Amino acid sequence: MSSDKSPLVPLVRPQNLSDPQQLELVRKILEKSKEGKLNWKKSTDGTVFTSVGQRLAISFSHSKTNPLAGWSTFLVKDAQQVILSVSNVNENALLALVTGSTRSPLELAVQNLYTAVNSALEAGMVQSAIKLLDEI
């Protein structure tokens, strides 16, 4: 009898996650976010996004398969193309555990950016609620 079991397929990472320029791009986005120069917003479907004029769009798509993961894909794109796309390797924690996947410095930087942006958005919502209550 032959076994028809397929071997485990490693996670496919389309981007070169060790490219120092990509890491610098994410760090620059974090820096500008902390300086308040990027106006992040959250859509009703959970997508977190911002733009730099009409030249650059930056977004985190919300994880629909694992809400605890927060985000599934981080994108930076201009009018013609995707400049950077990073998938959240921890979106599927079981797959990451089985394949032994660990986060690259780029993935960690994107996670740090997501955490900072989300914290700022939540603080802004709380501040808005306090302001509304003060007006009563």
Foldseek 3Di string as FASTA:
>chain_A
DDDPDDDQDADDWPDPLVPVVLLVVLVVVLVCVVVVNWDWDADPQGKIWTADPQFKIWIFHAQPQANVLGGAWIFIDGPPDTPDIGGQLCSPVVSCVVNVPDDGSSNVSVVVSSVVVVVVVVVVVVVVVVVVVVVD
